[in-house]
């Protein structure tokens, strides 16, 4: 199979200057605000995005250096297959966050619910549509017994070494 390459369409700015201490999911990042700077050559693609309350940000975990197929995720003390986690140390370090879109000013998106490190390269944006994106999920694997730890969990830097 041929190699696949992506180029950033923008950069994400947030109050989190390093992975350590960053919330591990946008749902528990509270009122953490940020901006998404879409490069000018892609700004036309933002037309009509202000009509959505939430958006998906798809980005590159640029600070994640440690890749492993078995990882100890933030919510558990046991190792799991990386594809059964949302850990950043992945063969293709791609992250996804759902954030609240507050407003659009030209090529700058103002967001709330940021769980992303300052300077993260943005790969894509997609609108969040409940009718498309909410699914009943009766099984959540190993996370089910650990989800109570979510609000207290923060990145501890384990994937950047």
N, C-alpha and C. Protein backbone atom coordinates (compact mmCIF):
# COMPACT_ATOMS: atom_id res chain seq x y z
N UNK A 1 0.85 -1.18 0.00
CA UNK A 1 0.00 0.00 0.00
C UNK A 1 0.89 1.24 0.00
N UNK A 2 0.46 2.25 -0.73
CA UNK A 2 1.27 3.46 -0.82
C UNK A 2 1.19 4.30 0.45
N UNK A 3 2.20 5.10 0.66
CA UNK A 3 2.27 5.99 1.81
C UNK A 3 1.23 7.09 1.67
N UNK A 4 0.62 7.47 2.78
CA UNK A 4 -0.37 8.54 2.82
C UNK A 4 0.24 9.71 3.58
N UNK A 5 0.14 10.90 3.03
CA UNK A 5 0.66 12.08 3.70
C UNK A 5 -0.42 13.15 3.78
N UNK A 6 -0.45 13.86 4.90
CA UNK A 6 -1.37 14.96 5.11
C UNK A 6 -0.57 16.22 5.44
N UNK A 7 -1.14 17.35 5.08
CA UNK A 7 -0.56 18.64 5.45
C UNK A 7 -1.56 19.36 6.34
N UNK A 8 -1.11 20.03 7.38
CA UNK A 8 -2.04 20.76 8.25
C UNK A 8 -2.81 21.82 7.48
N UNK A 9 -4.07 22.03 7.89
CA UNK A 9 -4.89 23.11 7.33
C UNK A 9 -4.95 24.29 8.29
N UNK A 10 -4.32 24.12 9.45
CA UNK A 10 -4.32 25.19 10.43
C UNK A 10 -3.60 24.74 11.69
N UNK A 11 -3.77 25.53 12.74
CA UNK A 11 -3.13 25.24 14.02
C UNK A 11 -4.11 25.55 15.15
N UNK A 12 -4.06 24.73 16.19
CA UNK A 12 -4.95 24.90 17.34
C UNK A 12 -4.17 25.60 18.45
N UNK A 13 -4.80 26.62 19.03
CA UNK A 13 -4.19 27.37 20.13
C UNK A 13 -5.01 27.12 21.39
N UNK A 14 -4.33 26.89 22.50
CA UNK A 14 -5.04 26.65 23.76
C UNK A 14 -4.19 27.13 24.93
N UNK A 15 -4.78 27.07 26.10
CA UNK A 15 -4.08 27.46 27.32
C UNK A 15 -3.11 26.39 27.80
N UNK A 16 -3.15 25.20 27.20
CA UNK A 16 -2.31 24.09 27.63
C UNK A 16 -1.01 24.11 26.84
N UNK A 17 0.07 24.45 27.51
CA UNK A 17 1.36 24.67 26.84
C UNK A 17 2.18 23.40 26.69
N UNK A 18 1.80 22.34 27.36
CA UNK A 18 2.48 21.05 27.25
C UNK A 18 1.46 19.95 27.53
N UNK A 19 1.74 18.72 27.10
CA UNK A 19 0.78 17.64 27.33
C UNK A 19 0.46 17.42 28.81
N UNK A 20 1.49 17.45 29.65
CA UNK A 20 1.28 17.18 31.06
C UNK A 20 0.29 18.18 31.66
N UNK A 21 -0.78 17.66 32.26
CA UNK A 21 -1.79 18.50 32.89
C UNK A 21 -2.98 18.82 31.99
N UNK A 22 -2.89 18.48 30.72
CA UNK A 22 -3.98 18.72 29.78
C UNK A 22 -5.11 17.73 30.04
N UNK A 23 -6.38 18.18 30.01
CA UNK A 23 -7.48 17.23 30.15
C UNK A 23 -7.39 16.14 29.08
N UNK A 24 -7.81 14.93 29.42
CA UNK A 24 -7.68 13.83 28.47
C UNK A 24 -8.88 13.69 27.53
N UNK A 25 -9.95 14.42 27.78
CA UNK A 25 -11.11 14.42 26.89
C UNK A 25 -11.77 15.79 26.96
N UNK A 26 -12.34 16.22 25.85
CA UNK A 26 -12.98 17.54 25.82
C UNK A 26 -14.19 17.61 26.73
N UNK A 27 -14.85 16.48 26.99
CA UNK A 27 -16.05 16.48 27.83
C UNK A 27 -15.75 16.88 29.28
N UNK A 28 -14.50 16.81 29.69
CA UNK A 28 -14.14 17.18 31.07
C UNK A 28 -13.16 18.35 31.12
N UNK A 29 -13.04 19.08 30.03
CA UNK A 29 -12.11 20.21 30.04
C UNK A 29 -12.77 21.49 30.53
N UNK A 30 -14.05 21.38 30.90
CA UNK A 30 -14.74 22.53 31.46
C UNK A 30 -14.84 23.67 30.49
N UNK A 31 -14.53 24.86 30.96
CA UNK A 31 -14.61 26.05 30.12
C UNK A 31 -13.30 26.39 29.43
N UNK A 32 -12.39 25.43 29.34
CA UNK A 32 -11.10 25.70 28.68
C UNK A 32 -11.36 26.19 27.26
N UNK A 33 -10.88 27.37 26.99
CA UNK A 33 -11.12 27.99 25.68
C UNK A 33 -9.87 27.93 24.82
N UNK A 34 -10.10 28.08 23.57
CA UNK A 34 -9.00 28.10 22.62
C UNK A 34 -9.45 28.70 21.31
N UNK A 35 -8.54 28.75 20.39
CA UNK A 35 -8.88 29.19 19.04
C UNK A 35 -8.30 28.20 18.05
N UNK A 36 -8.95 28.14 16.92
CA UNK A 36 -8.48 27.33 15.82
C UNK A 36 -8.19 28.29 14.68
N UNK A 37 -6.93 28.37 14.31
CA UNK A 37 -6.52 29.23 13.20
C UNK A 37 -6.46 28.39 11.94
N UNK A 38 -7.40 28.63 11.04
CA UNK A 38 -7.40 27.94 9.76
C UNK A 38 -6.55 28.77 8.80
N UNK A 39 -5.59 28.14 8.16
CA UNK A 39 -4.73 28.88 7.24
C UNK A 39 -5.58 29.55 6.16
N UNK A 40 -5.16 30.73 5.78
CA UNK A 40 -5.94 31.57 4.88
C UNK A 40 -6.36 30.85 3.60
N UNK A 41 -5.49 30.01 3.07
CA UNK A 41 -5.84 29.35 1.81
C UNK A 41 -6.99 28.36 1.95
N UNK A 42 -7.37 28.01 3.21
CA UNK A 42 -8.49 27.11 3.45
C UNK A 42 -9.70 27.83 4.05
N UNK A 43 -9.58 29.11 4.29
CA UNK A 43 -10.62 29.88 5.00
C UNK A 43 -11.98 29.83 4.30
N UNK A 44 -12.01 29.78 3.00
CA UNK A 44 -13.27 29.71 2.26
C UNK A 44 -14.08 28.47 2.67
N UNK A 45 -13.40 27.43 3.08
CA UNK A 45 -14.07 26.19 3.50
C UNK A 45 -14.83 26.32 4.81
N UNK A 46 -14.66 27.45 5.50
CA UNK A 46 -15.38 27.69 6.76
C UNK A 46 -16.79 28.24 6.55
N UNK A 47 -17.14 28.56 5.32
CA UNK A 47 -18.46 29.13 5.06
C UNK A 47 -19.56 28.21 5.61
N UNK A 48 -20.48 28.79 6.37
CA UNK A 48 -21.64 28.14 6.97
C UNK A 48 -21.33 27.33 8.25
N UNK A 49 -20.08 27.29 8.67
CA UNK A 49 -19.75 26.52 9.88
C UNK A 49 -20.35 27.15 11.14
N UNK A 50 -20.57 28.47 11.13
CA UNK A 50 -21.11 29.14 12.32
C UNK A 50 -22.51 28.66 12.68
N UNK A 51 -23.17 27.93 11.80
CA UNK A 51 -24.49 27.39 12.09
C UNK A 51 -24.47 26.15 12.95
N UNK A 52 -23.29 25.65 13.30
CA UNK A 52 -23.16 24.44 14.12
C UNK A 52 -22.68 24.81 15.51
N UNK A 53 -23.29 24.22 16.52
CA UNK A 53 -22.87 24.51 17.90
C UNK A 53 -21.59 23.77 18.28
N UNK A 54 -21.37 22.61 17.68
CA UNK A 54 -20.20 21.79 18.00
C UNK A 54 -19.54 21.34 16.71
N UNK A 55 -18.23 21.13 16.80
CA UNK A 55 -17.46 20.64 15.65
C UNK A 55 -16.47 19.58 16.12
N UNK A 56 -16.11 18.71 15.20
CA UNK A 56 -15.01 17.77 15.41
C UNK A 56 -13.73 18.46 14.94
N UNK A 57 -12.70 18.40 15.75
CA UNK A 57 -11.37 18.81 15.33
C UNK A 57 -10.54 17.54 15.19
N UNK A 58 -9.95 17.37 14.04
CA UNK A 58 -9.11 16.20 13.78
C UNK A 58 -7.69 16.73 13.63
N UNK A 59 -6.78 16.19 14.42
CA UNK A 59 -5.45 16.79 14.52
C UNK A 59 -4.36 15.75 14.69
N UNK A 60 -3.15 16.22 14.54
CA UNK A 60 -1.95 15.39 14.67
C UNK A 60 -1.36 15.57 16.07
N UNK A 61 -1.18 14.45 16.79
CA UNK A 61 -0.52 14.50 18.11
C UNK A 61 0.97 14.74 17.88
N UNK A 62 1.34 15.97 17.62
CA UNK A 62 2.71 16.30 17.22
C UNK A 62 3.75 16.11 18.31
N UNK A 63 3.34 16.05 19.55
CA UNK A 63 4.31 15.87 20.64
C UNK A 63 4.42 14.42 21.10
N UNK A 64 3.58 13.56 20.57
CA UNK A 64 3.60 12.15 20.95
C UNK A 64 4.74 11.46 20.22
N UNK A 65 5.67 10.95 20.98
CA UNK A 65 6.86 10.32 20.40
C UNK A 65 6.90 8.82 20.66
N UNK A 66 6.22 8.37 21.67
CA UNK A 66 6.28 6.99 22.09
C UNK A 66 5.14 6.21 21.44
N UNK A 67 5.46 5.29 20.56
CA UNK A 67 4.46 4.48 19.87
C UNK A 67 4.54 3.06 20.40
N UNK A 68 3.40 2.51 20.77
CA UNK A 68 3.35 1.14 21.26
C UNK A 68 1.99 0.55 20.94
N UNK A 69 1.95 -0.73 20.63
CA UNK A 69 0.67 -1.38 20.35
C UNK A 69 -0.05 -1.80 21.63
N UNK A 70 0.67 -1.79 22.75
CA UNK A 70 0.06 -2.03 24.07
C UNK A 70 0.40 -0.83 24.94
N UNK A 71 -0.63 -0.21 25.51
CA UNK A 71 -0.42 1.00 26.30
C UNK A 71 -1.16 0.92 27.63
N UNK A 72 -0.65 1.68 28.58
CA UNK A 72 -1.35 1.86 29.84
C UNK A 72 -2.06 3.21 29.74
N UNK A 73 -3.38 3.20 29.49
CA UNK A 73 -4.09 4.46 29.30
C UNK A 73 -4.26 5.22 30.61
N UNK A 74 -4.66 6.46 30.50
CA UNK A 74 -4.80 7.32 31.67
C UNK A 74 -5.84 6.82 32.67
N UNK A 75 -6.86 6.11 32.21
CA UNK A 75 -7.95 5.70 33.10
C UNK A 75 -7.76 4.33 33.72
N UNK A 76 -6.64 3.67 33.47
CA UNK A 76 -6.48 2.31 33.99
C UNK A 76 -5.02 2.05 34.32
N UNK A 77 -4.80 1.09 35.20
CA UNK A 77 -3.44 0.69 35.55
C UNK A 77 -2.98 -0.53 34.75
N UNK A 78 -3.88 -1.07 33.94
CA UNK A 78 -3.55 -2.23 33.11
C UNK A 78 -3.25 -1.79 31.68
N UNK A 79 -2.47 -2.62 30.99
CA UNK A 79 -2.16 -2.34 29.59
C UNK A 79 -3.28 -2.88 28.70
N UNK A 80 -3.56 -2.14 27.63
CA UNK A 80 -4.59 -2.53 26.66
C UNK A 80 -4.02 -2.30 25.26
N UNK A 81 -4.59 -2.95 24.29
CA UNK A 81 -4.23 -2.69 22.89
C UNK A 81 -4.52 -1.24 22.57
N UNK A 82 -3.61 -0.57 21.89
CA UNK A 82 -3.74 0.86 21.62
C UNK A 82 -5.05 1.19 20.92
N UNK A 83 -5.57 0.28 20.10
CA UNK A 83 -6.80 0.56 19.36
C UNK A 83 -8.04 0.41 20.23
N UNK A 84 -7.87 -0.04 21.47
CA UNK A 84 -8.96 -0.10 22.45
C UNK A 84 -8.84 1.08 23.42
N UNK A 85 -8.04 2.08 23.04
CA UNK A 85 -7.83 3.26 23.87
C UNK A 85 -7.89 4.51 22.98
N UNK A 86 -7.82 5.66 23.63
CA UNK A 86 -7.67 6.92 22.90
C UNK A 86 -6.32 7.55 23.18
N UNK A 87 -5.38 6.74 23.58
CA UNK A 87 -4.03 7.20 23.89
C UNK A 87 -3.37 7.83 22.67
N UNK A 88 -2.56 8.88 22.87
CA UNK A 88 -1.91 9.55 21.74
C UNK A 88 -0.75 8.78 21.12
N UNK A 89 -0.16 7.83 21.83
CA UNK A 89 0.99 7.08 21.32
C UNK A 89 0.53 5.98 20.38
N UNK A 90 0.22 6.33 19.14
CA UNK A 90 -0.38 5.42 18.17
C UNK A 90 0.49 5.31 16.92
N UNK A 91 0.32 4.26 16.11
CA UNK A 91 1.08 4.18 14.85
C UNK A 91 0.84 5.40 13.95
N UNK A 92 -0.38 5.90 13.89
CA UNK A 92 -0.71 7.15 13.21
C UNK A 92 -1.30 8.06 14.27
N UNK A 93 -0.51 8.99 14.80
CA UNK A 93 -0.95 9.79 15.95
C UNK A 93 -1.98 10.86 15.59
N UNK A 94 -3.21 10.39 15.36
CA UNK A 94 -4.32 11.27 15.00
C UNK A 94 -5.27 11.36 16.19
N UNK A 95 -5.65 12.59 16.53
CA UNK A 95 -6.59 12.82 17.62
C UNK A 95 -7.88 13.43 17.10
N UNK A 96 -8.94 13.24 17.87
CA UNK A 96 -10.26 13.78 17.55
C UNK A 96 -10.86 14.36 18.82
N UNK A 97 -11.38 15.58 18.73
CA UNK A 97 -12.08 16.21 19.86
C UNK A 97 -13.35 16.85 19.35
N UNK A 98 -14.41 16.75 20.15
CA UNK A 98 -15.64 17.49 19.88
C UNK A 98 -15.61 18.70 20.79
N UNK A 99 -15.69 19.89 20.19
CA UNK A 99 -15.63 21.14 20.95
C UNK A 99 -16.83 22.01 20.62
N UNK A 100 -17.12 22.93 21.53
CA UNK A 100 -18.21 23.90 21.31
C UNK A 100 -17.67 25.04 20.47
N UNK A 101 -18.36 25.36 19.39
CA UNK A 101 -17.97 26.47 18.55
C UNK A 101 -18.69 27.72 19.06
N UNK A 102 -17.93 28.68 19.57
CA UNK A 102 -18.50 29.88 20.16
C UNK A 102 -18.77 30.96 19.11
N UNK A 103 -17.79 31.18 18.24
CA UNK A 103 -17.97 32.18 17.19
C UNK A 103 -16.85 32.03 16.15
N UNK A 104 -17.11 32.67 15.02
CA UNK A 104 -16.15 32.65 13.92
C UNK A 104 -15.79 34.09 13.58
N UNK A 105 -14.50 34.37 13.52
CA UNK A 105 -14.00 35.69 13.12
C UNK A 105 -13.01 35.47 11.99
N UNK A 106 -13.49 35.61 10.76
CA UNK A 106 -12.63 35.36 9.61
C UNK A 106 -12.18 33.92 9.57
N UNK A 107 -10.88 33.70 9.66
CA UNK A 107 -10.32 32.35 9.63
C UNK A 107 -10.03 31.80 11.04
N UNK A 108 -10.57 32.46 12.07
CA UNK A 108 -10.33 32.05 13.46
C UNK A 108 -11.64 31.54 14.06
N UNK A 109 -11.61 30.32 14.58
CA UNK A 109 -12.74 29.73 15.28
C UNK A 109 -12.47 29.82 16.78
N UNK A 110 -13.40 30.37 17.53
CA UNK A 110 -13.28 30.43 18.98
C UNK A 110 -14.04 29.23 19.54
N UNK A 111 -13.37 28.47 20.40
CA UNK A 111 -13.95 27.22 20.90
C UNK A 111 -13.92 27.14 22.42
N UNK A 112 -14.76 26.27 22.96
CA UNK A 112 -14.75 25.93 24.38
C UNK A 112 -14.74 24.41 24.47
N UNK A 113 -14.08 23.91 25.50
CA UNK A 113 -13.94 22.47 25.67
C UNK A 113 -12.63 21.96 25.11
N UNK A 114 -11.65 22.86 25.05
CA UNK A 114 -10.34 22.50 24.48
C UNK A 114 -9.62 21.49 25.37
N UNK A 115 -9.15 20.42 24.77
CA UNK A 115 -8.34 19.41 25.45
C UNK A 115 -7.09 19.12 24.61
N UNK A 116 -6.60 20.17 23.97
CA UNK A 116 -5.55 20.04 22.97
C UNK A 116 -4.40 20.99 23.34
N UNK A 117 -3.20 20.54 23.12
CA UNK A 117 -2.00 21.31 23.45
C UNK A 117 -1.78 22.45 22.44
N UNK A 118 -1.34 23.58 22.94
CA UNK A 118 -1.00 24.74 22.12
C UNK A 118 -0.10 24.34 20.94
N UNK A 119 -0.44 24.84 19.76
CA UNK A 119 0.38 24.60 18.58
C UNK A 119 0.11 23.30 17.85
N UNK A 120 -0.93 22.59 18.22
CA UNK A 120 -1.24 21.31 17.59
C UNK A 120 -1.68 21.52 16.13
N UNK A 121 -1.08 20.78 15.20
CA UNK A 121 -1.47 20.90 13.79
C UNK A 121 -2.88 20.35 13.54
N UNK A 122 -3.69 21.16 12.88
CA UNK A 122 -5.07 20.78 12.55
C UNK A 122 -5.09 20.11 11.18
N UNK A 123 -5.73 18.93 11.12
CA UNK A 123 -5.83 18.20 9.85
C UNK A 123 -7.18 18.40 9.17
N UNK A 124 -8.25 18.53 9.97
CA UNK A 124 -9.58 18.65 9.37
C UNK A 124 -10.57 19.13 10.43
N UNK A 125 -11.71 19.61 9.94
CA UNK A 125 -12.83 20.03 10.78
C UNK A 125 -14.08 19.41 10.17
N UNK A 126 -14.94 18.89 11.01
CA UNK A 126 -16.22 18.36 10.54
C UNK A 126 -17.30 18.84 11.50
N UNK A 127 -18.50 19.10 10.99
CA UNK A 127 -19.58 19.50 11.88
C UNK A 127 -20.07 18.31 12.71
N UNK A 128 -20.40 18.59 13.96
CA UNK A 128 -21.00 17.57 14.83
C UNK A 128 -22.50 17.63 14.62
N UNK A 129 -23.10 16.50 14.25
CA UNK A 129 -24.53 16.42 13.99
C UNK A 129 -25.08 15.27 14.83
N UNK A 130 -25.87 15.56 15.89
CA UNK A 130 -26.34 14.50 16.76
C UNK A 130 -27.01 13.33 16.02
N UNK A 131 -27.78 13.64 15.00
CA UNK A 131 -28.46 12.56 14.27
C UNK A 131 -27.48 11.64 13.55
N UNK A 132 -26.28 12.12 13.27
CA UNK A 132 -25.25 11.29 12.65
C UNK A 132 -24.34 10.65 13.69
N UNK A 133 -24.07 11.39 14.78
CA UNK A 133 -22.94 11.07 15.64
C UNK A 133 -23.28 10.43 16.98
N UNK A 134 -24.53 10.45 17.39
CA UNK A 134 -24.89 9.82 18.66
C UNK A 134 -25.42 8.42 18.38
N UNK A 135 -24.80 7.45 18.99
CA UNK A 135 -25.19 6.05 18.84
C UNK A 135 -25.35 5.44 20.23
N UNK A 136 -26.34 4.61 20.38
CA UNK A 136 -26.47 3.88 21.64
C UNK A 136 -25.30 2.90 21.71
N UNK A 137 -24.59 2.93 22.82
CA UNK A 137 -23.40 2.08 22.97
C UNK A 137 -23.50 1.30 24.27
N UNK A 138 -24.17 0.16 24.25
CA UNK A 138 -24.34 -0.60 25.49
C UNK A 138 -23.05 -1.19 26.05
N UNK A 139 -22.02 -1.32 25.22
CA UNK A 139 -20.74 -1.85 25.70
C UNK A 139 -19.64 -0.82 25.47
N UNK A 140 -18.89 -0.53 26.52
CA UNK A 140 -17.75 0.38 26.40
C UNK A 140 -16.46 -0.26 26.90
N UNK A 141 -16.39 -1.57 26.79
CA UNK A 141 -15.16 -2.30 27.10
C UNK A 141 -14.62 -2.03 28.49
N UNK A 142 -13.31 -2.01 28.60
CA UNK A 142 -12.63 -1.83 29.89
C UNK A 142 -12.91 -0.46 30.50
N UNK A 143 -13.31 0.52 29.66
CA UNK A 143 -13.55 1.87 30.17
C UNK A 143 -14.76 1.93 31.09
N UNK A 144 -15.72 1.04 30.88
CA UNK A 144 -16.95 1.06 31.67
C UNK A 144 -16.68 1.10 33.18
N UNK A 145 -15.72 0.31 33.64
CA UNK A 145 -15.45 0.27 35.09
C UNK A 145 -14.47 1.36 35.53
N UNK A 146 -13.97 2.16 34.59
CA UNK A 146 -13.01 3.20 34.91
C UNK A 146 -13.48 4.61 34.59
N UNK A 147 -14.64 4.74 33.96
CA UNK A 147 -15.10 6.05 33.49
C UNK A 147 -15.29 7.04 34.64
N UNK A 148 -15.49 6.56 35.84
CA UNK A 148 -15.64 7.45 37.00
C UNK A 148 -14.35 8.25 37.28
N UNK A 149 -13.22 7.81 36.74
CA UNK A 149 -11.94 8.50 36.93
C UNK A 149 -11.75 9.66 35.94
N UNK A 150 -12.63 9.77 34.95
CA UNK A 150 -12.44 10.70 33.85
C UNK A 150 -12.28 12.15 34.29
N UNK A 151 -13.14 12.62 35.16
CA UNK A 151 -13.10 14.04 35.53
C UNK A 151 -11.84 14.42 36.29
N UNK A 152 -11.14 13.46 36.88
CA UNK A 152 -9.93 13.75 37.66
C UNK A 152 -8.65 13.46 36.87
N UNK A 153 -8.78 12.81 35.73
CA UNK A 153 -7.60 12.39 34.98
C UNK A 153 -7.06 13.51 34.10
N UNK A 154 -5.74 13.63 34.07
CA UNK A 154 -5.04 14.59 33.23
C UNK A 154 -3.84 13.89 32.61
N UNK A 155 -3.37 14.42 31.52
CA UNK A 155 -2.19 13.88 30.87
C UNK A 155 -1.01 13.96 31.85
N UNK A 156 -0.28 12.89 31.99
CA UNK A 156 0.87 12.91 32.89
C UNK A 156 2.20 12.84 32.12
N UNK A 157 2.12 13.02 30.81
CA UNK A 157 3.34 13.05 30.00
C UNK A 157 3.87 11.71 29.56
N UNK A 158 3.18 10.64 29.82
CA UNK A 158 3.72 9.31 29.55
C UNK A 158 3.91 8.99 28.07
N UNK A 159 3.30 9.73 27.17
CA UNK A 159 3.41 9.42 25.74
C UNK A 159 4.37 10.33 24.98
N UNK A 160 5.09 11.18 25.68
CA UNK A 160 6.00 12.09 24.99
C UNK A 160 7.46 11.72 25.12
N UNK A 161 7.77 10.64 25.78
CA UNK A 161 9.16 10.24 25.98
C UNK A 161 9.64 9.28 24.93
